[in-house]
Amino acid sequence: MKIAILSRNKKLYSTRRLKEEAEARGHEVDVIDTLHCYMDITSNNPVVRYKGEPLPHYDAVIPRIGASVTFYGTAVVRQFEMMGTFAVNESVAISRSRDKLRSLQLLSRKGVGLPRTGFANRPDNIKDLIKNVGGAPLVVKLLEGTQGIGVVLADTNKAAESIIEAFMGLNANILVQEFIKEAGGADIRCLVVGDKVVAAMKRQGAEGEFRSNLHRGGTAEVIKLTPAERATAVNSAKIMGLGVCGVDILRSKNGPVVMEVNSSPGLEGIELATGKNVAALIYDYIEKTAKPHKTKTRGEG
């Protein structure tokens, strides 16, 4: 197969692993910087150009679209879809998962376990917003934040009011969520490929840190999932319409709750923690699933 990996940096662990595994399996693979693509949008003849030349036809494209380039990146993926290339994660599904509010609304509609979450625009809603998520301690989260940036824990209602007012004063879009204390600063990253959880790890936040992101000094170890956690992760991926994703779950007293569905999950932490060749499992999925013009988005909304 001829495969394109959309990535801003070919030296990143995930990009390197995907390229190495493709070549080991005999595929032709090109790593393409998303922002250096430009599109010829001509009726009945869509083309993606790169460094002055039209790109060849690819059997599959693996989008590694960073959050900061979601709009342009999904436009490039959509152009490949128009050319009949199979996208591991389709443009609509990537956009859907990147919008935290939209994704939570879709998961909620399908009955997936979630932390109590509030969203408001006007400062006069703040007290009621705090009350409706159960009061402090609670988490205030930027809709556009990544890797734990823009996530603040408010210990008291007064502190929550101040934090929310500050974010609103900056015209920032925020979510207010209940704090799952019993999770103990840990979450579970489930790596879903197709309709299976192929690897899972527990991420534990650093001492005194409620965020479990590895980028913030957290640690990771292999974990055994419960049937409910496995089903929640697979169902969440299906609702988002993603072929490959990371589903972040907290263990709450009411069962598993989903915090986020990530359309470009990193491979380094989970491969090292579990010892699994996740890149190979992604290619198993591509080889089984990729077909020309197979671009009907899974999921809804």
C-alpha atoms as a PDB file:
ATOM      1  CA  MET A   1       0.000   0.000   0.000  1.00  0.00           C
ATOM      2  CA  LYS A   2       0.997   3.624  -0.491  1.00  0.00           C
ATOM      3  CA  ILE A   3       0.448   5.530   2.752  1.00  0.00           C
ATOM      4  CA  ALA A   4       0.754   9.186   3.774  1.00  0.00           C
ATOM      5  CA  ILE A   5       1.382  10.269   7.367  1.00  0.00           C
ATOM      6  CA  LEU A   6       0.318  13.868   7.990  1.00  0.00           C
ATOM      7  CA  SER A   7       2.681  15.218  10.649  1.00  0.00           C
ATOM      8  CA  ARG A   8       4.402  18.540  11.344  1.00  0.00           C
ATOM      9  CA  ASN A   9       7.533  16.790  12.618  1.00  0.00           C
ATOM     10  CA  LYS A  10       8.935  13.535  11.232  1.00  0.00           C
ATOM     11  CA  LYS A  11      11.201  13.204  14.300  1.00  0.00           C
ATOM     12  CA  LEU A  12       8.334  12.785  16.774  1.00  0.00           C
ATOM     13  CA  TYR A  13       8.160   9.338  18.366  1.00  0.00           C
ATOM     14  CA  SER A  14       4.674   8.558  17.040  1.00  0.00           C
ATOM     15  CA  THR A  15       5.531   9.634  13.497  1.00  0.00           C
ATOM     16  CA  ARG A  16       8.806   7.675  13.517  1.00  0.00           C
ATOM     17  CA  ARG A  17       7.102   4.525  14.799  1.00  0.00           C
ATOM     18  CA  LEU A  18       4.337   4.721  12.212  1.00  0.00           C
ATOM     19  CA  LYS A  19       6.898   5.187   9.418  1.00  0.00           C
ATOM     20  CA  GLU A  20       9.149   2.376  10.666  1.00  0.00           C
ATOM     21  CA  GLU A  21       6.271  -0.059  11.009  1.00  0.00           C
ATOM     22  CA  ALA A  22       4.906   0.762   7.546  1.00  0.00           C
ATOM     23  CA  GLU A  23       8.294   0.161   5.951  1.00  0.00           C
ATOM     24  CA  ALA A  24       8.779  -3.065   7.935  1.00  0.00           C
ATOM     25  CA  ARG A  25       5.522  -4.351   6.438  1.00  0.00           C
ATOM     26  CA  GLY A  26       6.555  -3.447   2.878  1.00  0.00           C
ATOM     27  CA  HIS A  27       4.377  -0.354   2.450  1.00  0.00           C
ATOM     28  CA  GLU A  28       5.510   2.820   0.702  1.00  0.00           C
ATOM     29  CA  VAL A  29       5.168   5.700   3.157  1.00  0.00           C
ATOM     30  CA  ASP A  30       5.613   9.478   2.941  1.00  0.00           C
ATOM     31  CA  VAL A  31       5.650  11.836   5.911  1.00  0.00           C
ATOM     32  CA  ILE A  32       3.974  15.077   4.815  1.00  0.00           C
ATOM     33  CA  ASP A  33       4.011  18.357   6.730  1.00  0.00           C
ATOM     34  CA  THR A  34       0.346  19.324   6.871  1.00  0.00           C
ATOM     35  CA  LEU A  35       0.916  23.073   6.710  1.00  0.00           C
ATOM     36  CA  HIS A  36       3.055  22.748   3.575  1.00  0.00           C
ATOM     37  CA  CYS A  37       0.174  21.147   1.677  1.00  0.00           C
ATOM     38  CA  TYR A  38      -2.025  23.307  -0.478  1.00  0.00           C
ATOM     39  CA  MET A  39      -5.173  22.350  -2.272  1.00  0.00           C
ATOM     40  CA  ASP A  40      -6.325  22.678  -5.865  1.00  0.00           C
ATOM     41  CA  ILE A  41     -10.088  22.723  -5.472  1.00  0.00           C
ATOM     42  CA  THR A  42     -11.256  22.154  -9.024  1.00  0.00           C
ATOM     43  CA  SER A  43     -14.581  20.608  -9.979  1.00  0.00           C
ATOM     44  CA  ASN A  44     -14.254  16.811 -10.355  1.00  0.00           C
ATOM     45  CA  ASN A  45     -10.462  16.969 -10.035  1.00  0.00           C
ATOM     46  CA  PRO A  46      -9.356  17.560  -6.433  1.00  0.00           C
ATOM     47  CA  VAL A  47      -5.580  17.675  -5.928  1.00  0.00           C
ATOM     48  CA  VAL A  48      -3.249  18.111  -2.958  1.00  0.00           C
ATOM     49  CA  ARG A  49      -0.003  19.852  -3.872  1.00  0.00           C
ATOM     50  CA  TYR A  50       3.164  19.715  -1.777  1.00  0.00           C
ATOM     51  CA  LYS A  51       6.347  21.721  -2.300  1.00  0.00           C
ATOM     52  CA  GLY A  52       5.321  22.666  -5.830  1.00  0.00           C
ATOM     53  CA  GLU A  53       4.243  19.222  -7.017  1.00  0.00           C
ATOM     54  CA  PRO A  54       0.929  17.348  -6.994  1.00  0.00           C
ATOM     55  CA  LEU A  55       0.947  14.463  -4.526  1.00  0.00           C
ATOM     56  CA  PRO A  56       0.338  10.949  -5.887  1.00  0.00           C
ATOM     57  CA  HIS A  57      -2.695   8.880  -4.996  1.00  0.00           C
ATOM     58  CA  TYR A  58      -2.431   7.268  -1.563  1.00  0.00           C
ATOM     59  CA  ASP A  59      -4.337   4.196  -0.439  1.00  0.00           C
ATOM     60  CA  ALA A  60      -4.533   5.541   3.122  1.00  0.00           C
ATOM     61  CA  VAL A  61      -3.712   8.676   5.063  1.00  0.00           C
ATOM     62  CA  ILE A  62      -2.893   8.741   8.789  1.00  0.00           C
ATOM     63  CA  PRO A  63      -3.676  12.208  10.177  1.00  0.00           C
ATOM     64  CA  ARG A  64      -1.510  13.375  13.073  1.00  0.00           C
ATOM     65  CA  ILE A  65      -3.191  16.777  13.331  1.00  0.00           C
ATOM     66  CA  GLY A  66      -2.097  18.984  16.232  1.00  0.00           C
ATOM     67  CA  ALA A  67      -4.775  20.946  18.080  1.00  0.00           C
ATOM     68  CA  SER A  68      -3.320  24.293  16.979  1.00  0.00           C
ATOM     69  CA  VAL A  69      -3.771  23.450  13.273  1.00  0.00           C
ATOM     70  CA  THR A  70      -7.120  21.641  13.445  1.00  0.00           C
ATOM     71  CA  PHE A  71      -8.923  23.878  10.914  1.00  0.00           C
ATOM     72  CA  TYR A  72      -6.276  23.685   8.185  1.00  0.00           C
ATOM     73  CA  GLY A  73      -5.355  20.100   8.990  1.00  0.00           C
ATOM     74  CA  THR A  74      -8.915  18.835   8.645  1.00  0.00           C
ATOM     75  CA  ALA A  75      -9.242  20.738   5.353  1.00  0.00           C
ATOM     76  CA  VAL A  76      -6.228  18.798   4.035  1.00  0.00           C
ATOM     77  CA  VAL A  77      -7.667  15.479   5.257  1.00  0.00           C
ATOM     78  CA  ARG A  78     -10.995  16.342   3.596  1.00  0.00           C
ATOM     79  CA  GLN A  79      -9.200  16.977   0.310  1.00  0.00           C
ATOM     80  CA  PHE A  80      -7.603  13.517   0.499  1.00  0.00           C
ATOM     81  CA  GLU A  81     -11.046  12.063   1.194  1.00  0.00           C
ATOM     82  CA  MET A  82     -12.386  13.779  -1.936  1.00  0.00           C
ATOM     83  CA  MET A  83      -9.574  12.099  -3.893  1.00  0.00           C
ATOM     84  CA  GLY A  84     -10.755   8.678  -2.703  1.00  0.00           C
ATOM     85  CA  THR A  85      -8.042   8.111  -0.087  1.00  0.00           C
ATOM     86  CA  PHE A  86      -9.042   6.159   3.025  1.00  0.00           C
ATOM     87  CA  ALA A  87      -8.541   8.311   6.129  1.00  0.00           C
ATOM     88  CA  VAL A  88      -7.821   6.444   9.362  1.00  0.00           C
ATOM     89  CA  ASN A  89      -9.563   9.327  11.127  1.00  0.00           C
ATOM     90  CA  GLU A  90     -11.866  11.346   8.913  1.00  0.00           C
ATOM     91  CA  SER A  91     -11.984  15.127   8.872  1.00  0.00           C
ATOM     92  CA  VAL A  92     -15.476  15.421  10.385  1.00  0.00           C
ATOM     93  CA  ALA A  93     -14.583  13.005  13.199  1.00  0.00           C
ATOM     94  CA  ILE A  94     -11.387  14.922  14.037  1.00  0.00           C
ATOM     95  CA  SER A  95     -13.290  18.234  14.167  1.00  0.00           C
ATOM     96  CA  ARG A  96     -16.004  16.650  16.293  1.00  0.00           C
ATOM     97  CA  SER A  97     -13.585  15.269  18.880  1.00  0.00           C
ATOM     98  CA  ARG A  98     -11.543  18.500  19.047  1.00  0.00           C
ATOM     99  CA  ASP A  99     -14.616  20.477  20.109  1.00  0.00           C
ATOM    100  CA  LYS A 100     -14.798  19.412  23.762  1.00  0.00           C
ATOM    101  CA  LEU A 101     -18.300  20.758  24.275  1.00  0.00           C
ATOM    102  CA  ARG A 102     -19.657  19.129  21.129  1.00  0.00           C
ATOM    103  CA  SER A 103     -18.037  15.795  21.934  1.00  0.00           C
ATOM    104  CA  LEU A 104     -19.424  15.770  25.482  1.00  0.00           C
ATOM    105  CA  GLN A 105     -22.899  16.586  24.156  1.00  0.00           C
ATOM    106  CA  LEU A 106     -22.701  13.683  21.692  1.00  0.00           C
ATOM    107  CA  LEU A 107     -21.453  11.266  24.351  1.00  0.00           C
ATOM    108  CA  SER A 108     -24.157  12.446  26.747  1.00  0.00           C
ATOM    109  CA  ARG A 109     -26.870  11.853  24.155  1.00  0.00           C
ATOM    110  CA  LYS A 110     -25.742   8.231  23.850  1.00  0.00           C
ATOM    111  CA  GLY A 111     -25.688   7.663  27.616  1.00  0.00           C
ATOM    112  CA  VAL A 112     -21.904   7.458  28.064  1.00  0.00           C
ATOM    113  CA  GLY A 113     -20.759   8.110  31.654  1.00  0.00           C
ATOM    114  CA  LEU A 114     -19.483  11.678  32.100  1.00  0.00           C
ATOM    115  CA  PRO A 115     -18.583  13.967  35.000  1.00  0.00           C
ATOM    116  CA  ARG A 116     -21.310  16.518  35.714  1.00  0.00           C
ATOM    117  CA  THR A 117     -20.485  19.363  33.343  1.00  0.00           C
ATOM    118  CA  GLY A 118     -21.717  22.931  32.932  1.00  0.00           C
ATOM    119  CA  PHE A 119     -21.237  25.527  30.213  1.00  0.00           C
ATOM    120  CA  ALA A 120     -22.301  29.165  30.288  1.00  0.00           C
ATOM    121  CA  ASN A 121     -21.601  32.476  28.585  1.00  0.00           C
ATOM    122  CA  ARG A 122     -22.802  35.198  30.963  1.00  0.00           C
ATOM    123  CA  PRO A 123     -21.217  36.110  34.346  1.00  0.00           C
ATOM    124  CA  ASP A 124     -24.637  36.229  36.047  1.00  0.00           C
ATOM    125  CA  ASN A 125     -24.918  32.448  35.552  1.00  0.00           C
ATOM    126  CA  ILE A 126     -21.790  31.641  37.568  1.00  0.00           C
ATOM    127  CA  LYS A 127     -23.313  30.827  40.961  1.00  0.00           C
ATOM    128  CA  ASP A 128     -25.992  28.605  39.425  1.00  0.00           C
ATOM    129  CA  LEU A 129     -23.402  26.991  37.163  1.00  0.00           C
ATOM    130  CA  ILE A 130     -21.278  26.039  40.186  1.00  0.00           C
ATOM    131  CA  LYS A 131     -24.326  24.769  42.064  1.00  0.00           C
ATOM    132  CA  ASN A 132     -25.461  22.572  39.165  1.00  0.00           C
ATOM    133  CA  VAL A 133     -22.153  20.698  38.942  1.00  0.00           C
ATOM    134  CA  GLY A 134     -22.283  19.995  42.690  1.00  0.00           C
ATOM    135  CA  GLY A 135     -20.149  22.834  44.033  1.00  0.00           C
ATOM    136  CA  ALA A 136     -16.467  22.919  44.917  1.00  0.00           C
ATOM    137  CA  PRO A 137     -14.076  21.315  44.570  1.00  0.00           C
ATOM    138  CA  LEU A 138     -14.564  21.534  40.820  1.00  0.00           C
ATOM    139  CA  VAL A 139     -12.501  21.774  37.666  1.00  0.00           C
ATOM    140  CA  VAL A 140     -12.523  24.739  35.289  1.00  0.00           C
ATOM    141  CA  LYS A 141     -11.292  23.771  31.842  1.00  0.00           C
ATOM    142  CA  LEU A 142     -10.500  25.789  28.709  1.00  0.00           C
ATOM    143  CA  LEU A 143     -12.291  24.341  25.684  1.00  0.00           C
ATOM    144  CA  GLU A 144      -9.176  24.869  23.572  1.00  0.00           C
ATOM    145  CA  GLY A 145      -6.662  23.568  26.136  1.00  0.00           C
ATOM    146  CA  THR A 146      -4.404  20.548  25.532  1.00  0.00           C
ATOM    147  CA  GLN A 147      -1.999  18.426  27.590  1.00  0.00           C
ATOM    148  CA  GLY A 148      -3.463  19.744  30.844  1.00  0.00           C
ATOM    149  CA  ILE A 149      -2.880  23.413  29.949  1.00  0.00           C
ATOM    150  CA  GLY A 150      -5.853  25.604  30.873  1.00  0.00           C
ATOM    151  CA  VAL A 151      -7.198  23.158  33.498  1.00  0.00           C
ATOM    152  CA  VAL A 152      -7.621  24.598  36.996  1.00  0.00           C
ATOM    153  CA  LEU A 153      -8.845  22.989  40.226  1.00  0.00           C
ATOM    154  CA  ALA A 154     -10.960  25.293  42.408  1.00  0.00           C
ATOM    155  CA  ASP A 155     -11.080  24.186  46.065  1.00  0.00           C
ATOM    156  CA  THR A 156     -13.903  26.515  47.134  1.00  0.00           C
ATOM    157  CA  ASN A 157     -16.971  28.072  45.534  1.00  0.00           C
ATOM    158  CA  LYS A 158     -15.449  31.514  46.006  1.00  0.00           C
ATOM    159  CA  ALA A 159     -12.258  30.462  44.240  1.00  0.00           C
ATOM    160  CA  ALA A 160     -14.339  28.903  41.453  1.00  0.00           C
ATOM    161  CA  GLU A 161     -16.254  32.162  40.976  1.00  0.00           C
ATOM    162  CA  SER A 162     -13.000  34.129  40.706  1.00  0.00           C
ATOM    163  CA  ILE A 163     -11.448  31.692  38.219  1.00  0.00           C
ATOM    164  CA  ILE A 164     -14.570  31.566  36.047  1.00  0.00           C
ATOM    165  CA  GLU A 165     -14.900  35.378  36.082  1.00  0.00           C
ATOM    166  CA  ALA A 166     -11.241  35.708  35.060  1.00  0.00           C
ATOM    167  CA  PHE A 167     -11.616  33.306  32.129  1.00  0.00           C
ATOM    168  CA  MET A 168     -14.869  34.975  31.032  1.00  0.00           C
ATOM    169  CA  GLY A 169     -13.156  38.367  31.269  1.00  0.00           C
ATOM    170  CA  LEU A 170     -10.706  37.105  28.659  1.00  0.00           C
ATOM    171  CA  ASN A 171     -13.595  35.909  26.448  1.00  0.00           C
ATOM    172  CA  ALA A 172     -12.382  32.331  26.884  1.00  0.00           C
ATOM    173  CA  ASN A 173     -14.770  29.415  26.383  1.00  0.00           C
ATOM    174  CA  ILE A 174     -14.732  27.162  29.443  1.00  0.00           C
ATOM    175  CA  LEU A 175     -16.324  24.055  30.872  1.00  0.00           C
ATOM    176  CA  VAL A 176     -16.994  23.600  34.584  1.00  0.00           C
ATOM    177  CA  GLN A 177     -16.881  19.972  35.760  1.00  0.00           C
ATOM    178  CA  GLU A 178     -17.261  18.083  38.998  1.00  0.00           C
ATOM    179  CA  PHE A 179     -13.985  16.938  40.537  1.00  0.00           C
ATOM    180  CA  ILE A 180     -13.755  13.145  40.726  1.00  0.00           C
ATOM    181  CA  LYS A 181     -11.881  12.961  44.021  1.00  0.00           C
ATOM    182  CA  GLU A 182     -11.918   9.157  44.231  1.00  0.00           C
ATOM    183  CA  ALA A 183      -9.816   8.958  41.037  1.00  0.00           C
ATOM    184  CA  GLY A 184      -6.857  10.062  43.180  1.00  0.00           C
ATOM    185  CA  GLY A 185      -5.181  12.123  40.470  1.00  0.00           C
ATOM    186  CA  ALA A 186      -5.095   9.157  38.082  1.00  0.00           C
ATOM    187  CA  ASP A 187      -6.812   8.450  34.786  1.00  0.00           C
ATOM    188  CA  ILE A 188      -6.859   5.585  32.310  1.00  0.00           C
ATOM    189  CA  ARG A 189      -5.812   6.053  28.676  1.00  0.00           C
ATOM    190  CA  CYS A 190      -7.462   3.462  26.445  1.00  0.00           C
ATOM    191  CA  LEU A 191      -6.026   3.166  22.949  1.00  0.00           C
ATOM    192  CA  VAL A 192      -8.870   2.163  20.629  1.00  0.00           C
ATOM    193  CA  VAL A 193      -8.194   0.822  17.129  1.00  0.00           C
ATOM    194  CA  GLY A 194     -11.255  -0.062  15.082  1.00  0.00           C
ATOM    195  CA  ASP A 195     -13.687  -1.631  17.502  1.00  0.00           C
ATOM    196  CA  LYS A 196     -11.175  -2.840  20.115  1.00  0.00           C
ATOM    197  CA  VAL A 197      -9.142  -1.471  22.997  1.00  0.00           C
ATOM    198  CA  VAL A 198      -5.677  -2.650  21.968  1.00  0.00           C
ATOM    199  CA  ALA A 199      -3.750  -1.180  24.928  1.00  0.00           C
ATOM    200  CA  ALA A 200      -4.486   0.607  28.195  1.00  0.00           C
ATOM    201  CA  MET A 201      -2.398   2.372  30.809  1.00  0.00           C
ATOM    202  CA  LYS A 202      -2.987   4.103  34.113  1.00  0.00           C
ATOM    203  CA  ARG A 203      -1.519   7.602  34.271  1.00  0.00           C
ATOM    204  CA  GLN A 204      -0.809   8.907  37.770  1.00  0.00           C
ATOM    205  CA  GLY A 205      -0.282  12.596  38.389  1.00  0.00           C
ATOM    206  CA  ALA A 206       2.890  13.818  40.066  1.00  0.00           C
ATOM    207  CA  GLU A 207       2.830  14.460  43.837  1.00  0.00           C
ATOM    208  CA  GLY A 208       0.402  17.304  44.562  1.00  0.00           C
ATOM    209  CA  GLU A 209      -0.797  17.399  40.935  1.00  0.00           C
ATOM    210  CA  PHE A 210      -4.398  16.496  40.066  1.00  0.00           C
ATOM    211  CA  ARG A 211      -3.661  16.400  36.303  1.00  0.00           C
ATOM    212  CA  SER A 212      -2.318  13.043  35.153  1.00  0.00           C
ATOM    213  CA  ASN A 213      -0.783  14.114  31.820  1.00  0.00           C
ATOM    214  CA  LEU A 214       2.627  12.572  31.148  1.00  0.00           C
ATOM    215  CA  HIS A 215       3.718  15.967  29.776  1.00  0.00           C
ATOM    216  CA  ARG A 216       3.222  17.338  33.305  1.00  0.00           C
ATOM    217  CA  GLY A 217       5.416  14.784  35.064  1.00  0.00           C
ATOM    218  CA  GLY A 218       2.871  11.990  35.451  1.00  0.00           C
ATOM    219  CA  THR A 219       3.861   8.314  35.397  1.00  0.00           C
ATOM    220  CA  ALA A 220       2.325   5.422  33.491  1.00  0.00           C
ATOM    221  CA  GLU A 221       1.824   1.729  34.106  1.00  0.00           C
ATOM    222  CA  VAL A 222      -0.115  -1.086  32.472  1.00  0.00           C
ATOM    223  CA  ILE A 223      -3.618  -1.633  33.847  1.00  0.00           C
ATOM    224  CA  LYS A 224      -6.336  -4.265  33.533  1.00  0.00           C
ATOM    225  CA  LEU A 225      -9.634  -2.782  32.376  1.00  0.00           C
ATOM    226  CA  THR A 226     -13.042  -3.773  33.647  1.00  0.00           C
ATOM    227  CA  PRO A 227     -15.623  -4.856  31.035  1.00  0.00           C
ATOM    228  CA  ALA A 228     -17.488  -1.569  31.664  1.00  0.00           C
ATOM    229  CA  GLU A 229     -14.338   0.502  31.031  1.00  0.00           C
ATOM    230  CA  ARG A 230     -13.557  -1.406  27.844  1.00  0.00           C
ATOM    231  CA  ALA A 231     -17.134  -0.996  26.557  1.00  0.00           C
ATOM    232  CA  THR A 232     -17.133   2.721  27.442  1.00  0.00           C
ATOM    233  CA  ALA A 233     -13.918   3.334  25.484  1.00  0.00           C
ATOM    234  CA  VAL A 234     -15.079   1.434  22.390  1.00  0.00           C
ATOM    235  CA  ASN A 235     -18.496   3.088  22.444  1.00  0.00           C
ATOM    236  CA  SER A 236     -16.947   6.555  22.793  1.00  0.00           C
ATOM    237  CA  ALA A 237     -14.696   5.985  19.774  1.00  0.00           C
ATOM    238  CA  LYS A 238     -17.684   4.775  17.767  1.00  0.00           C
ATOM    239  CA  ILE A 239     -19.785   7.812  18.701  1.00  0.00           C
ATOM    240  CA  MET A 240     -16.950  10.147  17.666  1.00  0.00           C
ATOM    241  CA  GLY A 241     -16.470   8.196  14.442  1.00  0.00           C
ATOM    242  CA  LEU A 242     -12.731   7.696  15.008  1.00  0.00           C
ATOM    243  CA  GLY A 243     -10.833   4.663  13.710  1.00  0.00           C
ATOM    244  CA  VAL A 244      -7.874   5.286  16.029  1.00  0.00           C
ATOM    245  CA  CYS A 245      -8.091   7.324  19.227  1.00  0.00           C
ATOM    246  CA  GLY A 246      -7.205   7.637  22.873  1.00  0.00           C
ATOM    247  CA  VAL A 247     -10.126   7.624  25.304  1.00  0.00           C
ATOM    248  CA  ASP A 248      -9.353   9.070  28.736  1.00  0.00           C
ATOM    249  CA  ILE A 249     -11.440   7.602  31.559  1.00  0.00           C
ATOM    250  CA  LEU A 250     -11.674   8.225  35.300  1.00  0.00           C
ATOM    251  CA  ARG A 251     -12.764   5.587  37.799  1.00  0.00           C
ATOM    252  CA  SER A 252     -15.616   7.201  39.728  1.00  0.00           C
ATOM    253  CA  LYS A 253     -17.951   5.854  42.399  1.00  0.00           C
ATOM    254  CA  ASN A 254     -20.641   5.755  39.687  1.00  0.00           C
ATOM    255  CA  GLY A 255     -18.508   3.777  37.234  1.00  0.00           C
ATOM    256  CA  PRO A 256     -16.242   4.894  34.388  1.00  0.00           C
ATOM    257  CA  VAL A 257     -16.587   8.501  33.207  1.00  0.00           C
ATOM    258  CA  VAL A 258     -15.039   9.846  29.998  1.00  0.00           C
ATOM    259  CA  MET A 259     -12.924  12.989  30.191  1.00  0.00           C
ATOM    260  CA  GLU A 260     -11.785  13.272  26.583  1.00  0.00           C
ATOM    261  CA  VAL A 261     -11.494  11.467  23.264  1.00  0.00           C
ATOM    262  CA  ASN A 262      -8.176  12.253  21.533  1.00  0.00           C
ATOM    263  CA  SER A 263      -7.951  11.866  17.745  1.00  0.00           C
ATOM    264  CA  SER A 264      -4.112  12.007  17.668  1.00  0.00           C
ATOM    265  CA  PRO A 265      -3.021   9.951  20.672  1.00  0.00           C
ATOM    266  CA  GLY A 266       0.696   9.712  21.330  1.00  0.00           C
ATOM    267  CA  LEU A 267       2.202   6.245  21.008  1.00  0.00           C
ATOM    268  CA  GLU A 268       5.328   6.626  23.142  1.00  0.00           C
ATOM    269  CA  GLY A 269       3.800   6.476  26.624  1.00  0.00           C
ATOM    270  CA  ILE A 270       1.431   3.617  25.900  1.00  0.00           C
ATOM    271  CA  GLU A 271       3.938   1.492  23.955  1.00  0.00           C
ATOM    272  CA  LEU A 272       6.534   1.867  26.707  1.00  0.00           C
ATOM    273  CA  ALA A 273       4.041   1.238  29.522  1.00  0.00           C
ATOM    274  CA  THR A 274       2.373  -1.809  27.949  1.00  0.00           C
ATOM    275  CA  GLY A 275       5.161  -3.255  25.796  1.00  0.00           C
ATOM    276  CA  LYS A 276       2.698  -3.520  22.899  1.00  0.00           C
ATOM    277  CA  ASN A 277       3.473  -2.654  19.296  1.00  0.00           C
ATOM    278  CA  VAL A 278       0.552  -0.269  18.884  1.00  0.00           C
ATOM    279  CA  ALA A 279       1.839   1.010  15.525  1.00  0.00           C
ATOM    280  CA  ALA A 280       1.578  -2.542  14.135  1.00  0.00           C
ATOM    281  CA  LEU A 281      -1.989  -2.851  15.414  1.00  0.00           C
ATOM    282  CA  ILE A 282      -2.885   0.381  13.614  1.00  0.00           C
ATOM    283  CA  TYR A 283      -1.567  -1.093  10.356  1.00  0.00           C
ATOM    284  CA  ASP A 284      -3.513  -4.303  10.966  1.00  0.00           C
ATOM    285  CA  TYR A 285      -6.607  -2.095  11.018  1.00  0.00           C
ATOM    286  CA  ILE A 286      -5.586  -0.145   7.889  1.00  0.00           C
ATOM    287  CA  GLU A 287      -4.792  -3.280   5.888  1.00  0.00           C
ATOM    288  CA  LYS A 288      -8.126  -4.810   6.836  1.00  0.00           C
ATOM    289  CA  THR A 289     -10.292  -1.705   6.426  1.00  0.00           C
ATOM    290  CA  ALA A 290      -8.829   0.639   3.798  1.00  0.00           C
ATOM    291  CA  LYS A 291     -10.778   0.742   0.550  1.00  0.00           C
ATOM    292  CA  PRO A 292     -10.945   3.426  -2.167  1.00  0.00           C
ATOM    293  CA  HIS A 293     -13.590   6.104  -1.573  1.00  0.00           C
ATOM    294  CA  LYS A 294     -14.470   4.636   1.815  1.00  0.00           C
ATOM    295  CA  THR A 295     -15.141   8.018   3.382  1.00  0.00           C
ATOM    296  CA  LYS A 296     -18.524   7.677   5.042  1.00  0.00           C
ATOM    297  CA  THR A 297     -18.015   9.104   8.501  1.00  0.00           C
ATOM    298  CA  ARG A 298     -18.853   6.821  11.397  1.00  0.00           C
ATOM    299  CA  GLY A 299     -20.760   8.221  14.338  1.00  0.00           C
ATOM    300  CA  GLU A 300     -23.147  11.148  14.494  1.00  0.00           C
ATOM    301  CA  GLY A 301     -23.376  14.914  14.854  1.00  0.00           C
END
